[in-house]
Each structure stands twice: as structure tokens, then as C-alpha cells.
Amino acid sequence: FIVREASRIRSNFRAAKSLDLYLEYHGVVGIEEIDTRRLVRHIR
């Protein structure tokens, strides 16, 4: 999972946990601070 910025703050009353903990629990590698606009242009 690739994102520009991963929020450490969850601002919703329905949230049970953070995205970071969710990915860690399921063993999914996440990357942030990536220039996603540049990456998307490359893929296009």
C-alpha cells in the first residue's frame, strides 16, 4: 500500500483502530512519503 501521507490521527467516531495498526496486524507492507503524483504519471 503506497500513500503520500499516512495520517496518525483517526478523526471519526466509528474508527476502531488506525490504518497503520490495521496493516501491521494483517502483515501488509505500507509505504508513505512517496511522490505519488510522479509514480502515477509513470504508470500512466
ModelCIF file with pLDDT and N, C-alpha, C, O atoms, coordinates in Angstrom:
data_MODEL
#
_entry.id   MODEL 
#
_entity.id                         1 
_entity.type                       polymer 
_entity.pdbx_number_of_molecules   1 
#
_entity_poly.entity_id                      1 
_entity_poly.type                           'polypeptide(L)' 
_entity_poly.nstd_linkage                   no 
_entity_poly.nstd_monomer                   no 
_entity_poly.pdbx_seq_one_letter_code       FIVREASRIRSNFRAAKSLDLYLEYHGVVGIEEIDTRRLVRHIR 
_entity_poly.pdbx_seq_one_letter_code_can   FIVREASRIRSNFRAAKSLDLYLEYHGVVGIEEIDTRRLVRHIR 
_entity_poly.pdbx_strand_id                 A 
#
loop_
_entity_poly_seq.entity_id 
_entity_poly_seq.num 
_entity_poly_seq.mon_id 
_entity_poly_seq.hetero 
1 1  PHE n 
1 2  ILE n 
1 3  VAL n 
1 4  ARG n 
1 5  GLU n 
1 6  ALA n 
1 7  SER n 
1 8  ARG n 
1 9  ILE n 
1 10 ARG n 
1 11 SER n 
1 12 ASN n 
1 13 PHE n 
1 14 ARG n 
1 15 ALA n 
1 16 ALA n 
1 17 LYS n 
1 18 SER n 
1 19 LEU n 
1 20 ASP n 
1 21 LEU n 
1 22 TYR n 
1 23 LEU n 
1 24 GLU n 
1 25 TYR n 
1 26 HIS n 
1 27 GLY n 
1 28 VAL n 
1 29 VAL n 
1 30 GLY n 
1 31 ILE n 
1 32 GLU n 
1 33 GLU n 
1 34 ILE n 
1 35 ASP n 
1 36 THR n 
1 37 ARG n 
1 38 ARG n 
1 39 LEU n 
1 40 VAL n 
1 41 ARG n 
1 42 HIS n 
1 43 ILE n 
1 44 ARG n 
#
_struct_asym.id          A 
_struct_asym.entity_id   1 
#
loop_
_ma_qa_metric.id 
_ma_qa_metric.mode 
_ma_qa_metric.name 
_ma_qa_metric.software_group_id 
_ma_qa_metric.type 
1 global pLDDT . pLDDT 
2 local  pLDDT . pLDDT 
#
_ma_qa_metric_global.metric_id      1 
_ma_qa_metric_global.metric_value   95.16 
_ma_qa_metric_global.model_id       1 
_ma_qa_metric_global.ordinal_id     1 
#
loop_
_ma_qa_metric_local.label_asym_id 
_ma_qa_metric_local.label_comp_id 
_ma_qa_metric_local.label_seq_id 
_ma_qa_metric_local.metric_id 
_ma_qa_metric_local.metric_value 
_ma_qa_metric_local.model_id 
_ma_qa_metric_local.ordinal_id 
A PHE 1  2 97.00 1 1  
A ILE 2  2 97.00 1 2  
A VAL 3  2 97.00 1 3  
A ARG 4  2 97.00 1 4  
A GLU 5  2 97.00 1 5  
A ALA 6  2 96.00 1 6  
A SER 7  2 94.00 1 7  
A ARG 8  2 89.00 1 8  
A ILE 9  2 91.00 1 9  
A ARG 10 2 93.00 1 10 
A SER 11 2 91.00 1 11 
A ASN 12 2 93.00 1 12 
A PHE 13 2 94.00 1 13 
A ARG 14 2 93.00 1 14 
A ALA 15 2 94.00 1 15 
A ALA 16 2 94.00 1 16 
A LYS 17 2 93.00 1 17 
A SER 18 2 95.00 1 18 
A LEU 19 2 96.00 1 19 
A ASP 20 2 94.00 1 20 
A LEU 21 2 95.00 1 21 
A TYR 22 2 95.00 1 22 
A LEU 23 2 96.00 1 23 
A GLU 24 2 95.00 1 24 
A TYR 25 2 95.00 1 25 
A HIS 26 2 95.00 1 26 
A GLY 27 2 94.00 1 27 
A VAL 28 2 96.00 1 28 
A VAL 29 2 95.00 1 29 
A GLY 30 2 95.00 1 30 
A ILE 31 2 95.00 1 31 
A GLU 32 2 96.00 1 32 
A GLU 33 2 96.00 1 33 
A ILE 34 2 95.00 1 34 
A ASP 35 2 97.00 1 35 
A THR 36 2 97.00 1 36 
A ARG 37 2 97.00 1 37 
A ARG 38 2 97.00 1 38 
A LEU 39 2 97.00 1 39 
A VAL 40 2 97.00 1 40 
A ARG 41 2 97.00 1 41 
A HIS 42 2 97.00 1 42 
A ILE 43 2 97.00 1 43 
A ARG 44 2 96.00 1 44 
#
loop_
_atom_site.group_PDB 
_atom_site.id 
_atom_site.type_symbol 
_atom_site.label_atom_id 
_atom_site.label_alt_id 
_atom_site.label_comp_id 
_atom_site.label_asym_id 
_atom_site.label_entity_id 
_atom_site.label_seq_id 
_atom_site.pdbx_PDB_ins_code 
_atom_site.Cartn_x 
_atom_site.Cartn_y 
_atom_site.Cartn_z 
_atom_site.occupancy 
_atom_site.B_iso_or_equiv 
_atom_site.pdbx_formal_charge 
_atom_site.auth_seq_id 
_atom_site.auth_comp_id 
_atom_site.auth_asym_id 
_atom_site.auth_atom_id 
_atom_site.pdbx_PDB_model_num 
ATOM 1   N N  . PHE A 1 1  ? 0.855   -1.183 0.000   1.00 97.00 ? 1  PHE A N  1 
ATOM 2   C CA . PHE A 1 1  ? 0.000   0.000  0.000   1.00 97.00 ? 1  PHE A CA 1 
ATOM 3   C C  . PHE A 1 1  ? 0.890   1.232  0.000   1.00 97.00 ? 1  PHE A C  1 
ATOM 4   O O  . PHE A 1 1  ? 1.718   1.401  0.895   1.00 97.00 ? 1  PHE A O  1 
ATOM 5   N N  . ILE A 1 2  ? 0.724   2.106  -1.011  1.00 97.00 ? 2  ILE A N  1 
ATOM 6   C CA . ILE A 1 2  ? 1.585   3.270  -1.200  1.00 97.00 ? 2  ILE A CA 1 
ATOM 7   C C  . ILE A 1 2  ? 0.760   4.540  -1.060  1.00 97.00 ? 2  ILE A C  1 
ATOM 8   O O  . ILE A 1 2  ? -0.262  4.691  -1.730  1.00 97.00 ? 2  ILE A O  1 
ATOM 9   N N  . VAL A 1 3  ? 1.198   5.468  -0.182  1.00 97.00 ? 3  VAL A N  1 
ATOM 10  C CA . VAL A 1 3  ? 0.488   6.732  0.013   1.00 97.00 ? 3  VAL A CA 1 
ATOM 11  C C  . VAL A 1 3  ? 1.482   7.881  0.112   1.00 97.00 ? 3  VAL A C  1 
ATOM 12  O O  . VAL A 1 3  ? 2.667   7.687  0.386   1.00 97.00 ? 3  VAL A O  1 
ATOM 13  N N  . ARG A 1 4  ? 0.963   9.083  -0.119  1.00 97.00 ? 4  ARG A N  1 
ATOM 14  C CA . ARG A 1 4  ? 1.805   10.273 0.055   1.00 97.00 ? 4  ARG A CA 1 
ATOM 15  C C  . ARG A 1 4  ? 2.006   10.548 1.538   1.00 97.00 ? 4  ARG A C  1 
ATOM 16  O O  . ARG A 1 4  ? 3.132   10.754 1.993   1.00 97.00 ? 4  ARG A O  1 
ATOM 17  N N  . GLU A 1 5  ? 0.905   10.550 2.292   1.00 97.00 ? 5  GLU A N  1 
ATOM 18  C CA . GLU A 1 5  ? 0.984   10.783 3.742   1.00 97.00 ? 5  GLU A CA 1 
ATOM 19  C C  . GLU A 1 5  ? -0.022  9.902  4.454   1.00 97.00 ? 5  GLU A C  1 
ATOM 20  O O  . GLU A 1 5  ? -1.202  9.893  4.105   1.00 97.00 ? 5  GLU A O  1 
ATOM 21  N N  . ALA A 1 6  ? 0.433   9.168  5.440   1.00 96.00 ? 6  ALA A N  1 
ATOM 22  C CA . ALA A 1 6  ? -0.437  8.326  6.258   1.00 96.00 ? 6  ALA A CA 1 
ATOM 23  C C  . ALA A 1 6  ? -0.752  9.065  7.556   1.00 96.00 ? 6  ALA A C  1 
ATOM 24  O O  . ALA A 1 6  ? 0.147   9.361  8.344   1.00 96.00 ? 6  ALA A O  1 
ATOM 25  N N  . SER A 1 7  ? -2.030  9.359  7.771   1.00 94.00 ? 7  SER A N  1 
ATOM 26  C CA . SER A 1 7  ? -2.434  10.096 8.959   1.00 94.00 ? 7  SER A CA 1 
ATOM 27  C C  . SER A 1 7  ? -2.281  9.241  10.217  1.00 94.00 ? 7  SER A C  1 
ATOM 28  O O  . SER A 1 7  ? -2.726  8.094  10.259  1.00 94.00 ? 7  SER A O  1 
ATOM 29  N N  . ARG A 1 8  ? -1.648  9.811  11.235  1.00 89.00 ? 8  ARG A N  1 
ATOM 30  C CA . ARG A 1 8  ? -1.531  9.131  12.534  1.00 89.00 ? 8  ARG A CA 1 
ATOM 31  C C  . ARG A 1 8  ? -2.748  9.386  13.403  1.00 89.00 ? 8  ARG A C  1 
ATOM 32  O O  . ARG A 1 8  ? -2.920  8.745  14.439  1.00 89.00 ? 8  ARG A O  1 
ATOM 33  N N  . ILE A 1 9  ? -3.592  10.320 12.985  1.00 91.00 ? 9  ILE A N  1 
ATOM 34  C CA . ILE A 1 9  ? -4.777  10.697 13.752  1.00 91.00 ? 9  ILE A CA 1 
ATOM 35  C C  . ILE A 1 9  ? -6.010  10.157 13.047  1.00 91.00 ? 9  ILE A C  1 
ATOM 36  O O  . ILE A 1 9  ? -6.195  10.395 11.853  1.00 91.00 ? 9  ILE A O  1 
ATOM 37  N N  . ARG A 1 10 ? -6.849  9.440  13.765  1.00 93.00 ? 10 ARG A N  1 
ATOM 38  C CA . ARG A 1 10 ? -8.108  8.959  13.198  1.00 93.00 ? 10 ARG A CA 1 
ATOM 39  C C  . ARG A 1 10 ? -9.244  9.814  13.745  1.00 93.00 ? 10 ARG A C  1 
ATOM 40  O O  . ARG A 1 10 ? -9.510  9.828  14.947  1.00 93.00 ? 10 ARG A O  1 
ATOM 41  N N  . SER A 1 11 ? -9.903  10.520 12.846  1.00 91.00 ? 11 SER A N  1 
ATOM 42  C CA . SER A 1 11 ? -10.895 11.515 13.240  1.00 91.00 ? 11 SER A CA 1 
ATOM 43  C C  . SER A 1 11 ? -12.297 11.095 12.816  1.00 91.00 ? 11 SER A C  1 
ATOM 44  O O  . SER A 1 11 ? -12.955 11.787 12.040  1.00 91.00 ? 11 SER A O  1 
ATOM 45  N N  . ASN A 1 12 ? -12.742 9.962  13.329  1.00 93.00 ? 12 ASN A N  1 
ATOM 46  C CA . ASN A 1 12 ? -14.099 9.502  13.028  1.00 93.00 ? 12 ASN A CA 1 
ATOM 47  C C  . ASN A 1 12 ? -14.612 8.688  14.206  1.00 93.00 ? 12 ASN A C  1 
ATOM 48  O O  . ASN A 1 12 ? -13.885 7.860  14.756  1.00 93.00 ? 12 ASN A O  1 
ATOM 49  N N  . PHE A 1 13 ? -15.857 8.920  14.593  1.00 94.00 ? 13 PHE A N  1 
ATOM 50  C CA . PHE A 1 13 ? -16.404 8.242  15.766  1.00 94.00 ? 13 PHE A CA 1 
ATOM 51  C C  . PHE A 1 13 ? -16.534 6.744  15.561  1.00 94.00 ? 13 PHE A C  1 
ATOM 52  O O  . PHE A 1 13 ? -16.647 5.999  16.535  1.00 94.00 ? 13 PHE A O  1 
ATOM 53  N N  . ARG A 1 14 ? -16.521 6.281  14.302  1.00 93.00 ? 14 ARG A N  1 
ATOM 54  C CA . ARG A 1 14 ? -16.667 4.851  14.019  1.00 93.00 ? 14 ARG A CA 1 
ATOM 55  C C  . ARG A 1 14 ? -15.328 4.119  14.028  1.00 93.00 ? 14 ARG A C  1 
ATOM 56  O O  . ARG A 1 14 ? -15.300 2.889  13.989  1.00 93.00 ? 14 ARG A O  1 
ATOM 57  N N  . ALA A 1 15 ? -14.235 4.844  14.078  1.00 94.00 ? 15 ALA A N  1 
ATOM 58  C CA . ALA A 1 15 ? -12.917 4.215  13.970  1.00 94.00 ? 15 ALA A CA 1 
ATOM 59  C C  . ALA A 1 15 ? -12.620 3.325  15.174  1.00 94.00 ? 15 ALA A C  1 
ATOM 60  O O  . ALA A 1 15 ? -12.792 3.730  16.324  1.00 94.00 ? 15 ALA A O  1 
ATOM 61  N N  . ALA A 1 16 ? -12.168 2.095  14.882  1.00 94.00 ? 16 ALA A N  1 
ATOM 62  C CA . ALA A 1 16 ? -11.788 1.165  15.943  1.00 94.00 ? 16 ALA A CA 1 
ATOM 63  C C  . ALA A 1 16 ? -10.277 1.148  16.154  1.00 94.00 ? 16 ALA A C  1 
ATOM 64  O O  . ALA A 1 16 ? -9.801  0.897  17.262  1.00 94.00 ? 16 ALA A O  1 
ATOM 65  N N  . LYS A 1 17 ? -9.529  1.414  15.090  1.00 93.00 ? 17 LYS A N  1 
ATOM 66  C CA . LYS A 1 17 ? -8.073  1.464  15.195  1.00 93.00 ? 17 LYS A CA 1 
ATOM 67  C C  . LYS A 1 17 ? -7.533  2.286  14.040  1.00 93.00 ? 17 LYS A C  1 
ATOM 68  O O  . LYS A 1 17 ? -8.279  2.679  13.143  1.00 93.00 ? 17 LYS A O  1 
ATOM 69  N N  . SER A 1 18 ? -6.232  2.545  14.065  1.00 95.00 ? 18 SER A N  1 
ATOM 70  C CA . SER A 1 18 ? -5.603  3.326  13.000  1.00 95.00 ? 18 SER A CA 1 
ATOM 71  C C  . SER A 1 18 ? -5.294  2.447  11.802  1.00 95.00 ? 18 SER A C  1 
ATOM 72  O O  . SER A 1 18 ? -5.195  1.225  11.921  1.00 95.00 ? 18 SER A O  1 
ATOM 73  N N  . LEU A 1 19 ? -5.142  3.079  10.649  1.00 96.00 ? 19 LEU A N  1 
ATOM 74  C CA . LEU A 1 19 ? -4.777  2.358  9.441   1.00 96.00 ? 19 LEU A CA 1 
ATOM 75  C C  . LEU A 1 19 ? -3.431  1.662  9.612   1.00 96.00 ? 19 LEU A C  1 
ATOM 76  O O  . LEU A 1 19 ? -3.251  0.531  9.162   1.00 96.00 ? 19 LEU A O  1 
ATOM 77  N N  . ASP A 1 20 ? -2.497  2.331  10.255  1.00 94.00 ? 20 ASP A N  1 
ATOM 78  C CA . ASP A 1 20 ? -1.162  1.769  10.454  1.00 94.00 ? 20 ASP A CA 1 
ATOM 79  C C  . ASP A 1 20 ? -1.215  0.464  11.251  1.00 94.00 ? 20 ASP A C  1 
ATOM 80  O O  . ASP A 1 20 ? -0.587  -0.525 10.873  1.00 94.00 ? 20 ASP A O  1 
ATOM 81  N N  . LEU A 1 21 ? -1.963  0.465  12.347  1.00 95.00 ? 21 LEU A N  1 
ATOM 82  C CA . LEU A 1 21 ? -2.092  -0.751 13.157  1.00 95.00 ? 21 LEU A CA 1 
ATOM 83  C C  . LEU A 1 21 ? -2.836  -1.843 12.406  1.00 95.00 ? 21 LEU A C  1 
ATOM 84  O O  . LEU A 1 21 ? -2.529  -3.026 12.554  1.00 95.00 ? 21 LEU A O  1 
ATOM 85  N N  . TYR A 1 22 ? -3.806  -1.448 11.607  1.00 95.00 ? 22 TYR A N  1 
ATOM 86  C CA . TYR A 1 22 ? -4.592  -2.401 10.819  1.00 95.00 ? 22 TYR A CA 1 
ATOM 87  C C  . TYR A 1 22 ? -3.700  -3.128 9.821   1.00 95.00 ? 22 TYR A C  1 
ATOM 88  O O  . TYR A 1 22 ? -3.752  -4.354 9.719   1.00 95.00 ? 22 TYR A O  1 
ATOM 89  N N  . LEU A 1 23 ? -2.887  -2.386 9.089   1.00 96.00 ? 23 LEU A N  1 
ATOM 90  C CA . LEU A 1 23 ? -1.980  -3.002 8.120   1.00 96.00 ? 23 LEU A CA 1 
ATOM 91  C C  . LEU A 1 23 ? -0.947  -3.878 8.815   1.00 96.00 ? 23 LEU A C  1 
ATOM 92  O O  . LEU A 1 23 ? -0.624  -4.966 8.338   1.00 96.00 ? 23 LEU A O  1 
ATOM 93  N N  . GLU A 1 24 ? -0.428  -3.397 9.950   1.00 95.00 ? 24 GLU A N  1 
ATOM 94  C CA . GLU A 1 24 ? 0.562   -4.183 10.702  1.00 95.00 ? 24 GLU A CA 1 
ATOM 95  C C  . GLU A 1 24 ? -0.045  -5.497 11.190  1.00 95.00 ? 24 GLU A C  1 
ATOM 96  O O  . GLU A 1 24 ? 0.603   -6.543 11.127  1.00 95.00 ? 24 GLU A O  1 
ATOM 97  N N  . TYR A 1 25 ? -1.280  -5.447 11.674  1.00 95.00 ? 25 TYR A N  1 
ATOM 98  C CA . TYR A 1 25 ? -1.943  -6.645 12.176  1.00 95.00 ? 25 TYR A CA 1 
ATOM 99  C C  . TYR A 1 25 ? -2.100  -7.694 11.073  1.00 95.00 ? 25 TYR A C  1 
ATOM 100 O O  . TYR A 1 25 ? -1.959  -8.892 11.320  1.00 95.00 ? 25 TYR A O  1 
ATOM 101 N N  . HIS A 1 26 ? -2.389  -7.237 9.869   1.00 95.00 ? 26 HIS A N  1 
ATOM 102 C CA . HIS A 1 26 ? -2.618  -8.165 8.760   1.00 95.00 ? 26 HIS A CA 1 
ATOM 103 C C  . HIS A 1 26 ? -1.356  -8.446 7.945   1.00 95.00 ? 26 HIS A C  1 
ATOM 104 O O  . HIS A 1 26 ? -1.410  -9.182 6.960   1.00 95.00 ? 26 HIS A O  1 
ATOM 105 N N  . GLY A 1 27 ? -0.235  -7.873 8.340   1.00 94.00 ? 27 GLY A N  1 
ATOM 106 C CA . GLY A 1 27 ? 1.016   -8.163 7.651   1.00 94.00 ? 27 GLY A CA 1 
ATOM 107 C C  . GLY A 1 27 ? 1.133   -7.559 6.268   1.00 94.00 ? 27 GLY A C  1 
ATOM 108 O O  . GLY A 1 27 ? 1.778   -8.132 5.390   1.00 94.00 ? 27 GLY A O  1 
ATOM 109 N N  . VAL A 1 28 ? 0.508   -6.396 6.064   1.00 96.00 ? 28 VAL A N  1 
ATOM 110 C CA . VAL A 1 28 ? 0.576   -5.708 4.772   1.00 96.00 ? 28 VAL A CA 1 
ATOM 111 C C  . VAL A 1 28 ? 1.606   -4.586 4.851   1.00 96.00 ? 28 VAL A C  1 
ATOM 112 O O  . VAL A 1 28 ? 1.567   -3.767 5.768   1.00 96.00 ? 28 VAL A O  1 
ATOM 113 N N  . VAL A 1 29 ? 2.521   -4.550 3.896   1.00 95.00 ? 29 VAL A N  1 
ATOM 114 C CA . VAL A 1 29 ? 3.557   -3.526 3.874   1.00 95.00 ? 29 VAL A CA 1 
ATOM 115 C C  . VAL A 1 29 ? 2.976   -2.219 3.354   1.00 95.00 ? 29 VAL A C  1 
ATOM 116 O O  . VAL A 1 29 ? 2.356   -2.187 2.291   1.00 95.00 ? 29 VAL A O  1 
ATOM 117 N N  . GLY A 1 30 ? 3.178   -1.142 4.105   1.00 95.00 ? 30 GLY A N  1 
ATOM 118 C CA . GLY A 1 30 ? 2.742   0.175  3.677   1.00 95.00 ? 30 GLY A CA 1 
ATOM 119 C C  . GLY A 1 30 ? 3.931   1.116  3.539   1.00 95.00 ? 30 GLY A C  1 
ATOM 120 O O  . GLY A 1 30 ? 4.879   1.055  4.323   1.00 95.00 ? 30 GLY A O  1 
ATOM 121 N N  . ILE A 1 31 ? 3.872   1.988  2.533   1.00 95.00 ? 31 ILE A N  1 
ATOM 122 C CA . ILE A 1 31 ? 4.940   2.961  2.296   1.00 95.00 ? 31 ILE A CA 1 
ATOM 123 C C  . ILE A 1 31 ? 4.326   4.347  2.216   1.00 95.00 ? 31 ILE A C  1 
ATOM 124 O O  . ILE A 1 31 ? 3.308   4.537  1.550   1.00 95.00 ? 31 ILE A O  1 
ATOM 125 N N  . GLU A 1 32 ? 4.939   5.324  2.893   1.00 96.00 ? 32 GLU A N  1 
ATOM 126 C CA . GLU A 1 32 ? 4.477   6.701  2.782   1.00 96.00 ? 32 GLU A CA 1 
ATOM 127 C C  . GLU A 1 32 ? 5.638   7.612  2.376   1.00 96.00 ? 32 GLU A C  1 
ATOM 128 O O  . GLU A 1 32 ? 6.765   7.158  2.178   1.00 96.00 ? 32 GLU A O  1 
ATOM 129 N N  . GLU A 1 33 ? 5.333   8.908  2.257   1.00 96.00 ? 33 GLU A N  1 
ATOM 130 C CA . GLU A 1 33 ? 6.300   9.915  1.802   1.00 96.00 ? 33 GLU A CA 1 
ATOM 131 C C  . GLU A 1 33 ? 6.818   9.593  0.404   1.00 96.00 ? 33 GLU A C  1 
ATOM 132 O O  . GLU A 1 33 ? 7.979   9.841  0.079   1.00 96.00 ? 33 GLU A O  1 
ATOM 133 N N  . ILE A 1 34 ? 5.931   9.036  -0.409  1.00 95.00 ? 34 ILE A N  1 
ATOM 134 C CA . ILE A 1 34 ? 6.229   8.763  -1.809  1.00 95.00 ? 34 ILE A CA 1 
ATOM 135 C C  . ILE A 1 34 ? 5.575   9.856  -2.661  1.00 95.00 ? 34 ILE A C  1 
ATOM 136 O O  . ILE A 1 34 ? 4.448   10.269 -2.386  1.00 95.00 ? 34 ILE A O  1 
ATOM 137 N N  . ASP A 1 35 ? 6.276   10.317 -3.683  1.00 97.00 ? 35 ASP A N  1 
ATOM 138 C CA . ASP A 1 35 ? 5.701   11.280 -4.616  1.00 97.00 ? 35 ASP A CA 1 
ATOM 139 C C  . ASP A 1 35 ? 4.718   10.519 -5.498  1.00 97.00 ? 35 ASP A C  1 
ATOM 140 O O  . ASP A 1 35 ? 5.061   10.077 -6.595  1.00 97.00 ? 35 ASP A O  1 
ATOM 141 N N  . THR A 1 36 ? 3.494   10.373 -5.004  1.00 97.00 ? 36 THR A N  1 
ATOM 142 C CA . THR A 1 36 ? 2.508   9.547  -5.703  1.00 97.00 ? 36 THR A CA 1 
ATOM 143 C C  . THR A 1 36 ? 2.096   10.151 -7.041  1.00 97.00 ? 36 THR A C  1 
ATOM 144 O O  . THR A 1 36 ? 1.737   9.408  -7.954  1.00 97.00 ? 36 THR A O  1 
ATOM 145 N N  . ARG A 1 37 ? 2.137   11.473 -7.185  1.00 97.00 ? 37 ARG A N  1 
ATOM 146 C CA . ARG A 1 37 ? 1.808   12.087 -8.471  1.00 97.00 ? 37 ARG A CA 1 
ATOM 147 C C  . ARG A 1 37 ? 2.820   11.655 -9.528  1.00 97.00 ? 37 ARG A C  1 
ATOM 148 O O  . ARG A 1 37 ? 2.451   11.337 -10.659 1.00 97.00 ? 37 ARG A O  1 
ATOM 149 N N  . ARG A 1 38 ? 4.067   11.647 -9.160  1.00 97.00 ? 38 ARG A N  1 
ATOM 150 C CA . ARG A 1 38 ? 5.106   11.225 -10.102 1.00 97.00 ? 38 ARG A CA 1 
ATOM 151 C C  . ARG A 1 38 ? 4.973   9.745  -10.434 1.00 97.00 ? 38 ARG A C  1 
ATOM 152 O O  . ARG A 1 38 ? 5.129   9.345  -11.588 1.00 97.00 ? 38 ARG A O  1 
ATOM 153 N N  . LEU A 1 39 ? 4.683   8.936  -9.421  1.00 97.00 ? 39 LEU A N  1 
ATOM 154 C CA . LEU A 1 39 ? 4.523   7.497  -9.637  1.00 97.00 ? 39 LEU A CA 1 
ATOM 155 C C  . LEU A 1 39 ? 3.340   7.216  -10.562 1.00 97.00 ? 39 LEU A C  1 
ATOM 156 O O  . LEU A 1 39 ? 3.437   6.384  -11.464 1.00 97.00 ? 39 LEU A O  1 
ATOM 157 N N  . VAL A 1 40 ? 2.230   7.906  -10.339 1.00 97.00 ? 40 VAL A N  1 
ATOM 158 C CA . VAL A 1 40 ? 1.046   7.696  -11.177 1.00 97.00 ? 40 VAL A CA 1 
ATOM 159 C C  . VAL A 1 40 ? 1.320   8.130  -12.613 1.00 97.00 ? 40 VAL A C  1 
ATOM 160 O O  . VAL A 1 40 ? 0.910   7.448  -13.552 1.00 97.00 ? 40 VAL A O  1 
ATOM 161 N N  . ARG A 1 41 ? 2.004   9.251  -12.796 1.00 97.00 ? 41 ARG A N  1 
ATOM 162 C CA . ARG A 1 41 ? 2.355   9.680  -14.155 1.00 97.00 ? 41 ARG A CA 1 
ATOM 163 C C  . ARG A 1 41 ? 3.194   8.622  -14.853 1.00 97.00 ? 41 ARG A C  1 
ATOM 164 O O  . ARG A 1 41 ? 3.008   8.359  -16.041 1.00 97.00 ? 41 ARG A O  1 
ATOM 165 N N  . HIS A 1 42 ? 4.122   8.011  -14.111 1.00 97.00 ? 42 HIS A N  1 
ATOM 166 C CA . HIS A 1 42 ? 4.977   6.972  -14.681 1.00 97.00 ? 42 HIS A CA 1 
ATOM 167 C C  . HIS A 1 42 ? 4.145   5.766  -15.115 1.00 97.00 ? 42 HIS A C  1 
ATOM 168 O O  . HIS A 1 42 ? 4.350   5.221  -16.200 1.00 97.00 ? 42 HIS A O  1 
ATOM 169 N N  . ILE A 1 43 ? 3.202   5.352  -14.259 1.00 97.00 ? 43 ILE A N  1 
ATOM 170 C CA . ILE A 1 43 ? 2.351   4.205  -14.597 1.00 97.00 ? 43 ILE A CA 1 
ATOM 171 C C  . ILE A 1 43 ? 1.469   4.530  -15.803 1.00 97.00 ? 43 ILE A C  1 
ATOM 172 O O  . ILE A 1 43 ? 1.284   3.688  -16.681 1.00 97.00 ? 43 ILE A O  1 
ATOM 173 N N  . ARG A 1 44 ? 0.921   5.755  -15.850 1.00 96.00 ? 44 ARG A N  1 
ATOM 174 C CA . ARG A 1 44 ? 0.081   6.142  -16.982 1.00 96.00 ? 44 ARG A CA 1 
ATOM 175 C C  . ARG A 1 44 ? 0.871   6.155  -18.290 1.00 96.00 ? 44 ARG A C  1 
ATOM 176 O O  . ARG A 1 44 ? 0.315   6.460  -19.345 1.00 96.00 ? 44 ARG A O  1 
#
